[in-house]
Amino acid sequence: METLLPLAILLIVSLLLCASILIVTQLLGPKNPVPSRLESYECGIKPESGPHVPFKSSFYLIAVLFLLFDVEAAFFLPWALVYKESLAEGPALLWALLVYLGLMAVGLFYILQKKILRLN
């Protein structure tokens, strides 16, 4: 129980901090918003459309795919650093990486077959 005490204190302090920030913004924030202040501001020019412009979901998908393959590349540095020492123990680490690369290649092949990277 003593090992969880610092975690409990951190949780309580963070919850109190979040609650106090929300309370202070409610007390000190603007009370009567004027309709002209709620419009989007475009450097003094009258806005042509609303502030919410539709956004293609394919951009989000490409961003997630980029993160996925970027994290994949981040796994190669630790593997390369440990690979030389693990050669004496056998090819297990090499086979693990080849399986990992195979799964990523299958994922990339699937993405290319479904034509997900096209923006139309």
C-alpha atoms as a PDB file:
ATOM      1  CA  MET A   1       0.000   0.000   0.000  1.00  0.00           C
ATOM      2  CA  GLU A   2       2.883   2.350   0.689  1.00  0.00           C
ATOM      3  CA  THR A   3       4.151   1.956  -2.865  1.00  0.00           C
ATOM      4  CA  LEU A   4       0.851   3.261  -4.268  1.00  0.00           C
ATOM      5  CA  LEU A   5       0.773   6.331  -2.020  1.00  0.00           C
ATOM      6  CA  PRO A   6       2.838   8.582  -4.349  1.00  0.00           C
ATOM      7  CA  LEU A   7       0.640   7.544  -7.276  1.00  0.00           C
ATOM      8  CA  ALA A   8      -2.510   8.352  -5.311  1.00  0.00           C
ATOM      9  CA  ILE A   9      -1.095  11.736  -4.318  1.00  0.00           C
ATOM     10  CA  LEU A  10      -0.202  12.490  -7.941  1.00  0.00           C
ATOM     11  CA  LEU A  11      -3.704  11.505  -9.069  1.00  0.00           C
ATOM     12  CA  ILE A  12      -5.372  13.697  -6.440  1.00  0.00           C
ATOM     13  CA  VAL A  13      -3.139  16.698  -7.196  1.00  0.00           C
ATOM     14  CA  SER A  14      -3.733  16.403 -10.939  1.00  0.00           C
ATOM     15  CA  LEU A  15      -7.506  16.135 -10.495  1.00  0.00           C
ATOM     16  CA  LEU A  16      -7.508  19.166  -8.186  1.00  0.00           C
ATOM     17  CA  LEU A  17      -5.410  21.122 -10.679  1.00  0.00           C
ATOM     18  CA  CYS A  18      -7.783  20.268 -13.545  1.00  0.00           C
ATOM     19  CA  ALA A  19     -10.838  21.191 -11.485  1.00  0.00           C
ATOM     20  CA  SER A  20      -9.299  24.469 -10.327  1.00  0.00           C
ATOM     21  CA  ILE A  21      -8.356  25.455 -13.902  1.00  0.00           C
ATOM     22  CA  LEU A  22     -11.916  24.787 -15.080  1.00  0.00           C
ATOM     23  CA  ILE A  23     -13.398  26.785 -12.178  1.00  0.00           C
ATOM     24  CA  VAL A  24     -11.058  29.753 -12.714  1.00  0.00           C
ATOM     25  CA  THR A  25     -11.829  29.912 -16.449  1.00  0.00           C
ATOM     26  CA  GLN A  26     -15.553  29.874 -15.708  1.00  0.00           C
ATOM     27  CA  LEU A  27     -15.189  32.681 -13.171  1.00  0.00           C
ATOM     28  CA  LEU A  28     -12.840  34.914 -15.161  1.00  0.00           C
ATOM     29  CA  GLY A  29     -14.031  34.139 -18.700  1.00  0.00           C
ATOM     30  CA  PRO A  30     -16.353  36.335 -20.794  1.00  0.00           C
ATOM     31  CA  LYS A  31     -19.953  36.264 -19.627  1.00  0.00           C
ATOM     32  CA  ASN A  32     -21.844  37.750 -22.594  1.00  0.00           C
ATOM     33  CA  PRO A  33     -20.411  36.783 -25.961  1.00  0.00           C
ATOM     34  CA  VAL A  34     -21.318  39.212 -28.752  1.00  0.00           C
ATOM     35  CA  PRO A  35     -22.357  37.592 -32.064  1.00  0.00           C
ATOM     36  CA  SER A  36     -19.645  39.499 -33.946  1.00  0.00           C
ATOM     37  CA  ARG A  37     -17.013  37.982 -31.654  1.00  0.00           C
ATOM     38  CA  LEU A  38     -18.264  34.476 -32.391  1.00  0.00           C
ATOM     39  CA  GLU A  39     -17.564  34.826 -36.130  1.00  0.00           C
ATOM     40  CA  SER A  40     -14.303  33.604 -37.594  1.00  0.00           C
ATOM     41  CA  TYR A  41     -11.749  36.374 -38.123  1.00  0.00           C
ATOM     42  CA  GLU A  42      -9.988  36.599 -41.480  1.00  0.00           C
ATOM     43  CA  CYS A  43      -7.705  39.636 -41.193  1.00  0.00           C
ATOM     44  CA  GLY A  44     -10.491  42.209 -41.364  1.00  0.00           C
ATOM     45  CA  ILE A  45     -12.178  40.676 -44.419  1.00  0.00           C
ATOM     46  CA  LYS A  46     -15.789  39.595 -44.144  1.00  0.00           C
ATOM     47  CA  PRO A  47     -15.870  35.799 -43.785  1.00  0.00           C
ATOM     48  CA  GLU A  48     -17.125  33.969 -46.867  1.00  0.00           C
ATOM     49  CA  SER A  49     -18.084  30.759 -45.086  1.00  0.00           C
ATOM     50  CA  GLY A  50     -18.465  29.372 -41.611  1.00  0.00           C
ATOM     51  CA  PRO A  51     -15.535  28.353 -39.433  1.00  0.00           C
ATOM     52  CA  HIS A  52     -16.165  24.643 -39.962  1.00  0.00           C
ATOM     53  CA  VAL A  53     -14.934  23.553 -43.376  1.00  0.00           C
ATOM     54  CA  PRO A  54     -15.509  19.892 -44.328  1.00  0.00           C
ATOM     55  CA  PHE A  55     -12.280  17.916 -44.241  1.00  0.00           C
ATOM     56  CA  LYS A  56     -11.636  14.718 -46.171  1.00  0.00           C
ATOM     57  CA  SER A  57     -11.190  11.732 -43.905  1.00  0.00           C
ATOM     58  CA  SER A  58      -8.549  10.296 -46.237  1.00  0.00           C
ATOM     59  CA  PHE A  59      -6.070  12.837 -44.855  1.00  0.00           C
ATOM     60  CA  TYR A  60      -6.538  11.356 -41.387  1.00  0.00           C
ATOM     61  CA  LEU A  61      -6.029   7.860 -42.749  1.00  0.00           C
ATOM     62  CA  ILE A  62      -2.806   8.844 -44.481  1.00  0.00           C
ATOM     63  CA  ALA A  63      -1.573  10.462 -41.265  1.00  0.00           C
ATOM     64  CA  VAL A  64      -2.291   7.303 -39.263  1.00  0.00           C
ATOM     65  CA  LEU A  65      -0.555   5.156 -41.883  1.00  0.00           C
ATOM     66  CA  PHE A  66       2.447   7.474 -41.792  1.00  0.00           C
ATOM     67  CA  LEU A  67       2.635   7.124 -38.013  1.00  0.00           C
ATOM     68  CA  LEU A  68       2.342   3.353 -38.274  1.00  0.00           C
ATOM     69  CA  PHE A  69       5.203   2.995 -40.733  1.00  0.00           C
ATOM     70  CA  ASP A  70       7.245   5.685 -38.990  1.00  0.00           C
ATOM     71  CA  VAL A  71       7.056   3.766 -35.709  1.00  0.00           C
ATOM     72  CA  GLU A  72       8.045   0.659 -37.640  1.00  0.00           C
ATOM     73  CA  ALA A  73      11.216   2.413 -38.745  1.00  0.00           C
ATOM     74  CA  ALA A  74      11.941   3.414 -35.141  1.00  0.00           C
ATOM     75  CA  PHE A  75      12.187  -0.278 -34.186  1.00  0.00           C
ATOM     76  CA  PHE A  76      15.130  -0.839 -36.516  1.00  0.00           C
ATOM     77  CA  LEU A  77      17.672   1.177 -34.511  1.00  0.00           C
ATOM     78  CA  PRO A  78      17.392  -0.885 -31.289  1.00  0.00           C
ATOM     79  CA  TRP A  79      17.367  -4.060 -33.369  1.00  0.00           C
ATOM     80  CA  ALA A  80      20.537  -3.006 -35.193  1.00  0.00           C
ATOM     81  CA  LEU A  81      22.277  -2.187 -31.913  1.00  0.00           C
ATOM     82  CA  VAL A  82      21.509  -5.575 -30.348  1.00  0.00           C
ATOM     83  CA  TYR A  83      21.865  -7.714 -33.461  1.00  0.00           C
ATOM     84  CA  LYS A  84      25.663  -7.985 -33.408  1.00  0.00           C
ATOM     85  CA  GLU A  85      25.715  -9.344 -29.834  1.00  0.00           C
ATOM     86  CA  SER A  86      22.852 -11.755 -30.510  1.00  0.00           C
ATOM     87  CA  LEU A  87      24.605 -13.500 -33.412  1.00  0.00           C
ATOM     88  CA  ALA A  88      26.390 -15.784 -30.977  1.00  0.00           C
ATOM     89  CA  GLU A  89      23.067 -17.062 -29.611  1.00  0.00           C
ATOM     90  CA  GLY A  90      21.624 -17.994 -32.983  1.00  0.00           C
ATOM     91  CA  PRO A  91      19.458 -16.526 -35.728  1.00  0.00           C
ATOM     92  CA  ALA A  92      16.338 -16.068 -33.558  1.00  0.00           C
ATOM     93  CA  LEU A  93      16.501 -12.266 -33.618  1.00  0.00           C
ATOM     94  CA  LEU A  94      16.980 -12.256 -37.375  1.00  0.00           C
ATOM     95  CA  TRP A  95      13.933 -14.484 -37.867  1.00  0.00           C
ATOM     96  CA  ALA A  96      11.881 -12.272 -35.559  1.00  0.00           C
ATOM     97  CA  LEU A  97      12.757  -9.206 -37.595  1.00  0.00           C
ATOM     98  CA  LEU A  98      12.042 -10.989 -40.871  1.00  0.00           C
ATOM     99  CA  VAL A  99       8.590 -12.003 -39.604  1.00  0.00           C
ATOM    100  CA  TYR A 100       7.992  -8.410 -38.472  1.00  0.00           C
ATOM    101  CA  LEU A 101       9.079  -7.056 -41.850  1.00  0.00           C
ATOM    102  CA  GLY A 102       6.903  -9.632 -43.586  1.00  0.00           C
ATOM    103  CA  LEU A 103       3.836  -8.501 -41.644  1.00  0.00           C
ATOM    104  CA  MET A 104       4.573  -4.869 -42.443  1.00  0.00           C
ATOM    105  CA  ALA A 105       5.051  -5.746 -46.120  1.00  0.00           C
ATOM    106  CA  VAL A 106       1.697  -7.547 -46.150  1.00  0.00           C
ATOM    107  CA  GLY A 107       0.111  -4.434 -44.601  1.00  0.00           C
ATOM    108  CA  LEU A 108       1.726  -2.174 -47.185  1.00  0.00           C
ATOM    109  CA  PHE A 109       0.654  -4.504 -50.012  1.00  0.00           C
ATOM    110  CA  TYR A 110      -2.930  -4.415 -48.670  1.00  0.00           C
ATOM    111  CA  ILE A 111      -2.856  -0.605 -48.543  1.00  0.00           C
ATOM    112  CA  LEU A 112      -1.620  -0.409 -52.112  1.00  0.00           C
ATOM    113  CA  GLN A 113      -4.214  -2.949 -53.337  1.00  0.00           C
ATOM    114  CA  LYS A 114      -7.081  -1.010 -51.722  1.00  0.00           C
ATOM    115  CA  LYS A 115      -5.723   2.240 -53.223  1.00  0.00           C
ATOM    116  CA  ILE A 116      -6.016   4.008 -49.878  1.00  0.00           C
ATOM    117  CA  LEU A 117      -3.203   6.457 -50.650  1.00  0.00           C
ATOM    118  CA  ARG A 118      -5.084   8.090 -53.533  1.00  0.00           C
ATOM    119  CA  LEU A 119      -6.547  11.475 -52.659  1.00  0.00           C
ATOM    120  CA  ASN A 120      -8.995  11.839 -55.594  1.00  0.00           C
END
